[in-house]
Amino acid sequence: MSRSVPGSASDDAEHTAYARVRAGQVKAVQAALEDHMGRLDWSREQIERYRIERLRALLAHARERSPFHARRLRGLDPSSASLTDLASLPMMTKQDAQDEWDSIVTVRNLDRERAERILAEQQWFSYTPGDEQIFSSGGSSGVRGVYVWDWQFYVSAACLAWRVQAREERRASSASSCARLAVLAAGVPPHASTPLFDVPTAPGMETVVIPAGAPFDEVVAAVAAARPTHLVGYATVIGRLARAAVAGDLDISPVRVSTNSEPLLDEDRQAIRDAWSAPIHNLWGSTEIGVQAVGCGYGEGLHVCEDEVVLERVDEGGAPVAADVPAARTLATGLANRTFPFIRYDLGDQVTLLPGRCACGSAFVRVADIGGRRDDDFRYGTMTVPASTFRYVLGADPRVSEYQVRQTADGAEIFAVGDPDVSALTSAVTAALRRQGLSDPQVRIEVVDQLQRHQASGKLQRFIALR
């Protein structure tokens, strides 16, 4: 389709066509939620049996339809493959996914050139004639990503994102027909967050999408006008809204809060609790895999969506490590994405398994909340300073509502929103860096009205390393 002038007749017609297909897809999600909610009560035996069958089906499809994966899977029999066999395959990297795009995609009439053209032309997360959608990542890892979701993959991802909350709505005696969902996400193409989270989870629920990257006073005004009973969005934005509520600048009473797309830091989680005392469902996902794990709102951490993803904690060489051993990286195999298979894909995140059964009773394995990517750590020569060094200082300051840290050659430049004591905060960060081994760290803090978010996705890159 060609780009149209906003407000023109052809523009209106295209939007109407998009909205019609979109409505059908949302209906498909709502229909599939019943099955997905039932899976939450599965035993370990049911989870493992279903997962291995899904894995074998994916491997067979990828070997047949994708030249890239056919090379990787040579010598493996998909019909009898096990998780141990999966661990024998080489890792798949972000660079592989982009360099080998045309040999990975399994749709015969779709290639990278056409995908880029669709991205350039789309105005409302366009559908191809085959009902695929094309998304692009913000490139925070240094590698811009272009991804394709087919109809069923979207349905699966949306169900994984919402099934826990939807079940809780079914159980809640206070569920009503006046539920309102405010979605704080990118708002516009090409980021996948808006179509993934703009899904009603209760009968009669109204939804409104509020661009997360807008000036914060506009975000506050829009949220206040929406009067949401349910709030979902980027973790840093929800955290800042919570602090605004505590300060008396926002009067809303959400009964359920869902965070995604960014690490949910302790200071943001506490602010949400202080503001609304609402259950928090944190989500860990990616445009590549979809949804990897979701918090239940009862116990610690996140439940891995083992029915639709295989996660492997591995060492630097890609070999699996024991549950009680620190992992260098996490590899993911998405079981629902048949159009662009990701098999043993390096997510760039580090995860820690949580022992024991969750208070909610689920048999799905749990991981600790994702604290951030290993790429967030700053390296000064041979020395590594973890991102938590800054978090523990900046996140604990009640006069800092939001911050961003940029690495410099000998320290850091920090942009803070709020009214901190700059001198005291500078001294505290400097002392923390000295404890990490930097002999003479140079720290500069600037107070700003708002932080620069990624133009396309609206997400905040909190830590920016020198490259």
Protein backbone atom coordinates (compact mmCIF):
# COMPACT_ATOMS: atom_id res chain seq x y z
CA MET A 1 0.00 0.00 0.00
CA SER A 2 1.17 3.57 -0.57
CA ARG A 3 1.48 6.22 2.09
CA SER A 4 -1.58 8.45 2.14
CA VAL A 5 -2.09 12.01 3.27
CA PRO A 6 -3.64 11.90 6.78
CA GLY A 7 -7.30 12.76 6.64
CA SER A 8 -7.73 11.90 2.96
CA ALA A 9 -10.46 9.56 1.73
CA SER A 10 -7.94 6.83 0.91
CA ASP A 11 -6.36 7.27 4.34
CA ASP A 12 -9.75 6.80 6.02
CA ALA A 13 -10.50 3.75 3.88
CA GLU A 14 -7.15 2.15 4.73
CA HIS A 15 -7.66 2.80 8.42
CA THR A 16 -11.14 1.28 8.26
CA ALA A 17 -9.73 -1.82 6.57
CA TYR A 18 -6.97 -2.09 9.18
CA ALA A 19 -9.42 -1.64 12.05
CA ARG A 20 -11.65 -4.39 10.65
CA VAL A 21 -8.79 -6.93 10.49
CA ARG A 22 -7.50 -5.79 13.87
CA ALA A 23 -10.94 -6.32 15.45
CA GLY A 24 -11.02 -9.85 14.09
CA GLN A 25 -7.61 -10.59 15.54
CA VAL A 26 -8.57 -9.27 18.97
CA LYS A 27 -11.66 -11.52 18.86
CA ALA A 28 -9.35 -14.43 18.09
CA VAL A 29 -7.27 -13.58 21.17
CA GLN A 30 -10.34 -13.43 23.38
CA ALA A 31 -11.51 -16.80 22.05
CA ALA A 32 -8.09 -18.41 22.63
CA LEU A 33 -7.77 -17.02 26.16
CA GLU A 34 -10.04 -19.76 27.51
CA ASP A 35 -7.54 -22.44 26.48
CA HIS A 36 -4.58 -20.42 27.75
CA MET A 37 -6.17 -19.80 31.13
CA GLY A 38 -6.72 -23.53 31.46
CA ARG A 39 -3.02 -24.17 30.89
CA LEU A 40 -2.17 -22.17 34.01
CA ASP A 41 -3.43 -25.12 36.10
CA TRP A 42 -1.36 -27.73 34.25
CA SER A 43 0.86 -30.18 36.12
CA ARG A 44 4.60 -30.46 35.38
CA GLU A 45 3.87 -33.59 33.35
CA GLN A 46 1.34 -31.77 31.16
CA ILE A 47 3.66 -28.79 30.65
CA GLU A 48 6.62 -30.94 29.65
CA ARG A 49 4.60 -33.20 27.35
CA TYR A 50 3.04 -30.27 25.52
CA ARG A 51 6.34 -28.37 25.28
CA ILE A 52 8.30 -31.24 23.71
CA GLU A 53 5.60 -31.84 21.10
CA ARG A 54 5.55 -28.13 20.24
CA LEU A 55 9.34 -28.11 20.01
CA ARG A 56 9.42 -31.07 17.63
CA ALA A 57 6.78 -29.47 15.41
CA LEU A 58 8.74 -26.20 15.30
CA LEU A 59 12.03 -27.92 14.44
CA ALA A 60 10.39 -29.92 11.63
CA HIS A 61 8.80 -26.78 10.19
CA ALA A 62 12.00 -24.72 10.43
CA ARG A 63 14.11 -27.41 8.80
CA GLU A 64 11.65 -27.75 5.94
CA ARG A 65 10.96 -24.05 5.26
CA SER A 66 14.08 -22.11 6.34
CA PRO A 67 17.47 -22.60 4.62
CA PHE A 68 19.20 -20.97 7.59
CA HIS A 69 17.71 -23.42 10.08
CA ALA A 70 18.05 -26.35 7.69
CA ARG A 71 21.83 -25.86 7.92
CA ARG A 72 21.73 -25.57 11.70
CA LEU A 73 19.47 -28.60 12.14
CA ARG A 74 21.37 -30.89 9.81
CA GLY A 75 21.77 -34.26 11.49
CA LEU A 76 18.94 -33.70 13.99
CA ASP A 77 15.75 -35.76 13.77
CA PRO A 78 12.90 -33.38 14.76
CA SER A 79 10.48 -36.25 15.33
CA SER A 80 12.45 -37.51 18.33
CA ALA A 81 14.35 -34.39 19.39
CA SER A 82 14.71 -33.66 23.11
CA LEU A 83 15.74 -30.60 25.08
CA THR A 84 19.17 -32.19 25.39
CA ASP A 85 19.38 -32.38 21.59
CA LEU A 86 18.37 -28.73 21.37
CA ALA A 87 21.38 -27.82 23.51
CA SER A 88 23.69 -29.31 20.86
CA LEU A 89 22.74 -26.63 18.31
CA PRO A 90 24.77 -23.45 17.83
CA MET A 91 23.49 -20.19 19.30
CA MET A 92 21.54 -17.77 17.12
CA THR A 93 22.50 -14.10 17.55
CA LYS A 94 20.80 -10.77 16.84
CA GLN A 95 23.28 -10.24 14.02
CA ASP A 96 22.39 -13.65 12.54
CA ALA A 97 18.70 -12.75 12.61
CA GLN A 98 19.26 -9.57 10.62
CA ASP A 99 22.07 -10.70 8.28
CA GLU A 100 20.28 -13.95 7.37
CA TRP A 101 16.75 -12.51 7.25
CA ASP A 102 15.82 -13.82 3.80
CA SER A 103 17.05 -17.33 4.57
CA ILE A 104 15.27 -17.47 7.93
CA VAL A 105 11.77 -16.25 7.01
CA THR A 106 9.47 -19.11 6.00
CA VAL A 107 6.89 -17.09 4.02
CA ARG A 108 7.82 -17.45 0.36
CA ASN A 109 6.56 -14.05 -0.82
CA LEU A 110 8.21 -12.05 1.99
CA ASP A 111 11.81 -10.87 2.13
CA ARG A 112 13.76 -8.15 3.97
CA GLU A 113 13.34 -5.62 1.16
CA ARG A 114 9.56 -6.01 1.18
CA ALA A 115 9.47 -5.95 4.98
CA GLU A 116 11.36 -2.65 5.02
CA ARG A 117 8.94 -1.25 2.44
CA ILE A 118 5.98 -2.23 4.60
CA LEU A 119 7.61 -0.57 7.62
CA ALA A 120 8.15 2.63 5.65
CA GLU A 121 4.56 2.72 4.42
CA GLN A 122 2.56 1.52 7.41
CA GLN A 123 0.52 3.94 9.50
CA TRP A 124 -1.44 1.55 11.77
CA PHE A 125 0.68 -1.60 12.15
CA SER A 126 -0.25 -2.82 8.66
CA TYR A 127 -1.18 -6.37 7.74
CA THR A 128 0.25 -8.09 4.66
CA PRO A 129 -2.10 -10.01 2.34
CA GLY A 130 -1.08 -13.09 4.34
CA ASP A 131 -2.07 -11.40 7.64
CA GLU A 132 1.51 -10.94 8.82
CA GLN A 133 2.61 -7.77 10.61
CA ILE A 134 6.07 -6.21 10.44
CA PHE A 135 7.69 -4.62 13.48
CA SER A 136 11.03 -3.00 14.20
CA SER A 137 12.92 -2.80 17.49
CA GLY A 138 14.39 0.37 18.91
CA GLY A 139 17.91 -0.91 18.43
CA SER A 140 18.95 -0.42 22.08
CA SER A 141 21.32 -3.37 21.74
CA GLY A 142 23.13 -1.65 18.87
CA VAL A 143 21.49 -3.87 16.24
CA ARG A 144 18.30 -2.60 14.61
CA GLY A 145 15.83 -5.43 14.28
CA VAL A 146 13.07 -6.10 11.76
CA TYR A 147 10.61 -8.84 12.72
CA VAL A 148 7.50 -10.50 11.33
CA TRP A 149 4.56 -11.85 13.33
CA ASP A 150 1.90 -13.99 11.72
CA TRP A 151 -1.71 -14.16 12.90
CA GLN A 152 -1.31 -17.17 15.19
CA PHE A 153 1.93 -15.91 16.71
CA TYR A 154 0.22 -12.64 17.64
CA VAL A 155 -2.71 -14.54 19.17
CA SER A 156 -0.31 -16.68 21.19
CA ALA A 157 1.76 -13.69 22.40
CA ALA A 158 -1.32 -11.71 23.41
CA CYS A 159 -2.76 -14.67 25.30
CA LEU A 160 0.51 -15.16 27.17
CA ALA A 161 0.59 -11.46 28.03
CA TRP A 162 -2.96 -11.39 29.37
CA ARG A 163 -4.04 -14.84 30.54
CA VAL A 164 -3.01 -14.42 34.18
CA GLN A 165 -4.79 -11.07 34.46
CA ALA A 166 -7.83 -12.38 32.58
CA ARG A 167 -8.13 -15.29 35.00
CA GLU A 168 -7.94 -12.92 37.94
CA GLU A 169 -10.71 -10.83 36.41
CA ARG A 170 -12.87 -13.95 36.18
CA ARG A 171 -12.23 -14.68 39.85
CA ALA A 172 -12.76 -11.12 41.08
CA SER A 173 -16.19 -10.54 42.56
CA SER A 174 -15.73 -6.82 41.84
CA ALA A 175 -15.43 -7.28 38.07
CA SER A 176 -17.75 -4.82 36.33
CA SER A 177 -18.74 -3.67 32.86
CA CYS A 178 -17.15 -0.23 33.37
CA ALA A 179 -13.55 -1.43 33.30
CA ARG A 180 -11.16 0.93 31.50
CA LEU A 181 -7.66 -0.01 30.34
CA ALA A 182 -5.01 2.66 29.75
CA VAL A 183 -2.11 1.41 27.59
CA LEU A 184 1.10 3.45 27.88
CA ALA A 185 3.20 2.28 24.97
CA ALA A 186 4.73 3.44 21.70
CA GLY A 187 1.32 4.33 20.31
CA VAL A 188 2.37 4.27 16.68
CA PRO A 189 4.30 1.88 14.40
CA PRO A 190 6.72 0.20 14.21
CA HIS A 191 6.97 -1.04 17.82
CA ALA A 192 4.91 -4.12 18.73
CA SER A 193 3.91 -3.03 22.23
CA THR A 194 0.74 -1.18 21.27
CA PRO A 195 -1.07 -3.94 19.34
CA LEU A 196 0.12 -6.52 21.89
CA PHE A 197 -1.20 -4.74 24.98
CA ASP A 198 -4.25 -2.92 23.60
CA VAL A 199 -6.47 -5.93 24.27
CA PRO A 200 -9.61 -5.85 26.48
CA THR A 201 -9.38 -8.56 29.15
CA ALA A 202 -12.79 -8.15 30.78
CA PRO A 203 -16.32 -7.96 29.30
CA GLY A 204 -17.16 -4.42 28.23
CA MET A 205 -13.65 -3.11 28.92
CA GLU A 206 -12.81 0.14 27.13
CA THR A 207 -9.19 0.79 26.10
CA VAL A 208 -7.22 3.94 25.39
CA VAL A 209 -3.65 4.14 24.07
CA ILE A 210 -1.48 6.95 25.45
CA PRO A 211 1.94 7.51 23.79
CA ALA A 212 4.56 6.88 26.47
CA GLY A 213 7.07 9.19 24.81
CA ALA A 214 4.86 12.30 25.06
CA PRO A 215 5.83 15.10 27.50
CA PHE A 216 5.12 13.79 30.98
CA ASP A 217 2.59 16.47 31.88
CA GLU A 218 0.59 15.44 28.80
CA VAL A 219 0.84 11.78 29.84
CA VAL A 220 -0.44 12.61 33.34
CA ALA A 221 -3.33 14.64 31.91
CA ALA A 222 -4.29 11.86 29.49
CA VAL A 223 -4.18 9.19 32.20
CA ALA A 224 -6.24 11.37 34.54
CA ALA A 225 -8.83 11.92 31.80
CA ALA A 226 -8.98 8.17 31.05
CA ARG A 227 -9.68 7.29 34.72
CA PRO A 228 -8.32 3.76 34.18
CA THR A 229 -9.29 0.85 36.36
CA HIS A 230 -6.43 -1.09 34.75
CA LEU A 231 -3.03 0.29 33.85
CA VAL A 232 -0.44 -1.30 31.55
CA GLY A 233 2.76 0.15 30.13
CA TYR A 234 6.48 0.67 30.23
CA ALA A 235 7.81 0.11 33.75
CA THR A 236 9.57 3.48 34.01
CA VAL A 237 6.45 5.37 32.93
CA ILE A 238 4.14 3.52 35.33
CA GLY A 239 6.67 4.09 38.12
CA ARG A 240 6.77 7.81 37.45
CA LEU A 241 2.96 7.97 37.32
CA ALA A 242 2.88 6.24 40.71
CA ARG A 243 5.21 8.86 42.17
CA ALA A 244 2.97 11.57 40.71
CA ALA A 245 -0.02 9.91 42.42
CA VAL A 246 1.81 9.78 45.76
CA ALA A 247 2.65 13.48 45.37
CA GLY A 248 -1.02 14.29 44.78
CA ASP A 249 -0.60 15.19 41.12
CA LEU A 250 -2.64 12.27 39.74
CA ASP A 251 -5.92 10.94 41.12
CA ILE A 252 -6.65 7.46 39.75
CA SER A 253 -7.42 4.13 41.43
CA PRO A 254 -6.34 1.19 39.24
CA VAL A 255 -7.24 -2.23 40.60
CA ARG A 256 -4.55 -3.97 38.55
CA VAL A 257 -1.20 -2.80 37.14
CA SER A 258 0.87 -4.50 34.41
CA THR A 259 4.42 -3.43 33.54
CA ASN A 260 6.49 -4.43 30.54
CA SER A 261 9.26 -3.63 28.03
CA GLU A 262 11.77 -2.36 30.62
CA PRO A 263 13.17 -3.74 33.88
CA LEU A 264 10.81 -3.14 36.80
CA LEU A 265 13.20 -1.66 39.34
CA ASP A 266 12.63 -1.92 43.08
CA GLU A 267 11.99 1.81 43.40
CA ASP A 268 9.27 1.70 40.73
CA ARG A 269 7.64 -1.39 42.24
CA GLN A 270 7.56 0.25 45.66
CA ALA A 271 6.12 3.47 44.23
CA ILE A 272 3.32 1.48 42.57
CA ARG A 273 2.53 -0.25 45.86
CA ASP A 274 2.58 3.03 47.77
CA ALA A 275 0.31 4.74 45.25
CA TRP A 276 -2.34 2.12 44.59
CA SER A 277 -1.81 -1.10 46.60
CA ALA A 278 -2.78 -2.95 43.41
CA PRO A 279 -1.52 -6.34 42.21
CA ILE A 280 1.46 -5.92 39.87
CA HIS A 281 1.90 -8.23 36.89
CA ASN A 282 5.37 -7.66 35.50
CA LEU A 283 6.13 -9.07 32.05
CA TRP A 284 9.38 -10.07 30.38
CA GLY A 285 9.23 -10.28 26.61
CA SER A 286 10.88 -9.42 23.33
CA THR A 287 9.77 -8.67 19.80
CA GLU A 288 11.61 -11.80 18.68
CA ILE A 289 10.09 -14.36 21.06
CA GLY A 290 6.93 -12.58 22.17
CA VAL A 291 6.26 -13.11 25.88
CA GLN A 292 8.76 -15.12 27.89
CA ALA A 293 7.50 -14.81 31.48
CA VAL A 294 4.76 -13.05 33.46
CA GLY A 295 4.30 -12.27 37.14
CA CYS A 296 1.23 -13.72 38.84
CA GLY A 297 0.74 -10.94 41.39
CA TYR A 298 1.03 -13.36 44.34
CA GLY A 299 4.60 -14.62 44.65
CA GLU A 300 8.07 -13.45 43.75
CA GLY A 301 9.45 -13.33 40.23
CA LEU A 302 7.92 -14.28 36.91
CA HIS A 303 6.42 -17.56 35.67
CA VAL A 304 8.12 -18.73 32.49
CA CYS A 305 5.64 -19.37 29.66
CA GLU A 306 7.00 -22.89 29.23
CA ASP A 307 4.14 -23.95 26.98
CA GLU A 308 5.32 -21.49 24.29
CA VAL A 309 9.03 -20.91 24.97
CA VAL A 310 12.10 -22.92 25.93
CA LEU A 311 14.65 -20.96 27.97
CA GLU A 312 18.23 -22.16 28.44
CA ARG A 313 20.64 -20.64 30.93
CA VAL A 314 24.10 -21.16 29.45
CA ASP A 315 27.76 -20.26 29.87
CA GLU A 316 29.73 -18.08 27.45
CA GLY A 317 30.14 -20.99 25.06
CA GLY A 318 26.42 -21.81 24.97
CA ALA A 319 26.57 -24.91 27.18
CA PRO A 320 23.70 -25.27 29.71
CA VAL A 321 24.51 -24.58 33.38
CA ALA A 322 22.91 -26.02 36.51
CA ALA A 323 20.01 -24.22 38.18
CA ASP A 324 22.20 -23.02 41.06
CA VAL A 325 25.07 -21.84 38.83
CA PRO A 326 25.25 -18.24 37.48
CA ALA A 327 24.62 -18.06 33.73
CA ALA A 328 26.43 -15.83 31.25
CA ARG A 329 23.44 -15.55 28.92
CA THR A 330 19.91 -16.80 28.26
CA LEU A 331 18.90 -18.53 25.03
CA ALA A 332 15.28 -18.71 23.94
CA THR A 333 13.41 -20.89 21.48
CA GLY A 334 9.99 -19.50 20.61
CA LEU A 335 7.56 -22.34 19.97
CA ALA A 336 4.80 -20.25 18.38
CA ASN A 337 6.69 -18.27 15.73
CA ARG A 338 6.60 -20.38 12.58
CA THR A 339 7.05 -17.44 10.16
CA PHE A 340 10.44 -16.33 11.51
CA PRO A 341 11.73 -19.07 13.82
CA PHE A 342 14.08 -18.16 16.65
CA ILE A 343 15.89 -21.28 17.88
CA ARG A 344 18.47 -21.01 20.68
CA TYR A 345 18.41 -17.25 20.29
CA ASP A 346 20.62 -15.10 22.55
CA LEU A 347 18.23 -12.71 24.29
CA GLY A 348 20.97 -10.61 25.90
CA ASP A 349 19.35 -10.99 29.34
CA GLN A 350 20.57 -12.81 32.41
CA VAL A 351 18.04 -14.76 34.45
CA THR A 352 18.10 -16.47 37.84
CA LEU A 353 15.83 -19.42 38.63
CA LEU A 354 13.74 -19.21 41.79
CA PRO A 355 13.43 -22.38 43.87
CA GLY A 356 10.25 -23.86 45.29
CA ARG A 357 6.59 -23.56 44.42
CA CYS A 358 4.99 -20.14 44.02
CA ALA A 359 2.31 -19.01 46.47
CA CYS A 360 -0.17 -19.03 43.58
CA GLY A 361 0.27 -22.80 43.22
CA SER A 362 1.43 -22.74 39.57
CA ALA A 363 3.70 -25.52 38.34
CA PHE A 364 5.35 -23.23 35.80
CA VAL A 365 9.00 -22.51 36.58
CA ARG A 366 9.82 -19.06 37.97
CA VAL A 367 12.68 -16.68 37.29
CA ALA A 368 13.61 -13.61 39.29
CA ASP A 369 12.49 -10.24 37.94
CA ILE A 370 14.75 -9.26 35.10
CA GLY A 371 17.09 -6.62 36.49
CA GLY A 372 18.38 -5.51 33.13
CA ARG A 373 20.51 -6.61 30.25
CA ARG A 374 24.16 -7.47 30.69
CA ASP A 375 24.69 -4.73 28.08
CA ASP A 376 23.65 -2.21 30.79
CA ASP A 377 26.92 -2.75 32.65
CA PHE A 378 29.69 -0.23 31.96
CA ARG A 379 33.21 -1.39 31.13
CA TYR A 380 36.19 0.80 31.92
CA GLY A 381 39.19 -1.00 30.43
CA THR A 382 39.30 -4.40 32.11
CA MET A 383 36.95 -3.27 34.89
CA THR A 384 33.16 -3.79 34.80
CA VAL A 385 30.81 -1.59 36.82
CA PRO A 386 27.33 -3.17 37.10
CA ALA A 387 24.29 -1.01 36.42
CA SER A 388 23.10 -1.74 39.95
CA THR A 389 25.86 0.56 41.24
CA PHE A 390 23.90 3.51 39.88
CA ARG A 391 20.46 2.05 40.63
CA TYR A 392 21.16 1.64 44.34
CA VAL A 393 22.02 5.34 44.65
CA LEU A 394 19.72 7.04 42.16
CA GLY A 395 16.72 4.79 42.72
CA ALA A 396 16.85 5.31 46.47
CA ASP A 397 16.71 9.11 46.26
CA PRO A 398 13.05 10.15 46.85
CA ARG A 399 13.70 13.46 45.07
CA VAL A 400 14.61 11.70 41.79
CA SER A 401 11.55 10.56 39.84
CA GLU A 402 13.45 9.26 36.81
CA TYR A 403 17.04 9.10 35.59
CA GLN A 404 19.31 8.16 32.70
CA VAL A 405 23.02 7.35 32.94
CA ARG A 406 25.47 7.86 30.08
CA GLN A 407 28.94 6.41 30.42
CA THR A 408 31.90 8.71 29.88
CA ALA A 409 35.57 7.77 29.47
CA ASP A 410 36.27 8.22 33.20
CA GLY A 411 32.86 8.18 34.85
CA ALA A 412 29.27 9.05 33.99
CA GLU A 413 26.92 11.81 32.95
CA ILE A 414 23.54 11.53 34.67
CA PHE A 415 20.27 13.21 33.72
CA ALA A 416 17.78 13.34 36.58
CA VAL A 417 14.13 14.38 36.64
CA GLY A 418 13.03 15.85 39.96
CA ASP A 419 14.58 18.11 42.58
CA PRO A 420 17.63 16.29 44.00
CA ASP A 421 20.48 17.74 46.00
CA VAL A 422 22.91 17.59 43.08
CA SER A 423 26.02 17.99 45.20
CA ALA A 424 25.09 15.23 47.64
CA LEU A 425 23.92 12.92 44.86
CA THR A 426 27.13 13.48 42.90
CA SER A 427 29.18 12.61 45.97
CA ALA A 428 27.14 9.45 46.59
CA VAL A 429 27.52 8.20 42.99
CA THR A 430 31.22 9.05 43.00
CA ALA A 431 31.74 7.09 46.22
CA ALA A 432 29.83 4.11 44.79
CA LEU A 433 32.04 4.09 41.69
CA ARG A 434 35.16 4.26 43.83
CA ARG A 435 33.95 1.18 45.72
CA GLN A 436 33.74 -0.57 42.35
CA GLY A 437 37.41 0.18 41.69
CA LEU A 438 37.43 3.45 39.73
CA SER A 439 40.19 5.51 41.34
CA ASP A 440 39.08 8.98 40.23
CA PRO A 441 35.57 8.83 38.76
CA GLN A 442 34.21 11.98 37.15
CA VAL A 443 30.46 12.36 37.67
CA ARG A 444 28.24 15.11 36.32
CA ILE A 445 24.52 15.35 37.16
CA GLU A 446 22.09 17.55 35.27
CA VAL A 447 18.50 18.10 36.36
CA VAL A 448 16.11 18.01 33.38
CA ASP A 449 12.35 18.27 32.87
CA GLN A 450 12.12 14.97 31.00
CA LEU A 451 14.34 12.26 29.56
CA GLN A 452 14.85 11.52 25.91
CA ARG A 453 13.04 8.33 24.90
CA HIS A 454 13.49 6.39 21.70
CA GLN A 455 11.62 8.26 18.98
CA ALA A 456 9.91 5.20 17.49
CA SER A 457 9.30 2.93 20.48
CA GLY A 458 8.89 5.48 23.28
CA LYS A 459 11.01 3.22 25.50
CA LEU A 460 13.68 4.61 27.81
CA GLN A 461 17.24 3.39 27.50
CA ARG A 462 18.28 4.02 31.09
CA PHE A 463 21.96 3.06 30.72
CA ILE A 464 23.93 4.12 27.65
CA ALA A 465 27.42 2.68 27.40
CA LEU A 466 30.34 4.04 25.40
CA ARG A 467 30.81 2.12 22.17
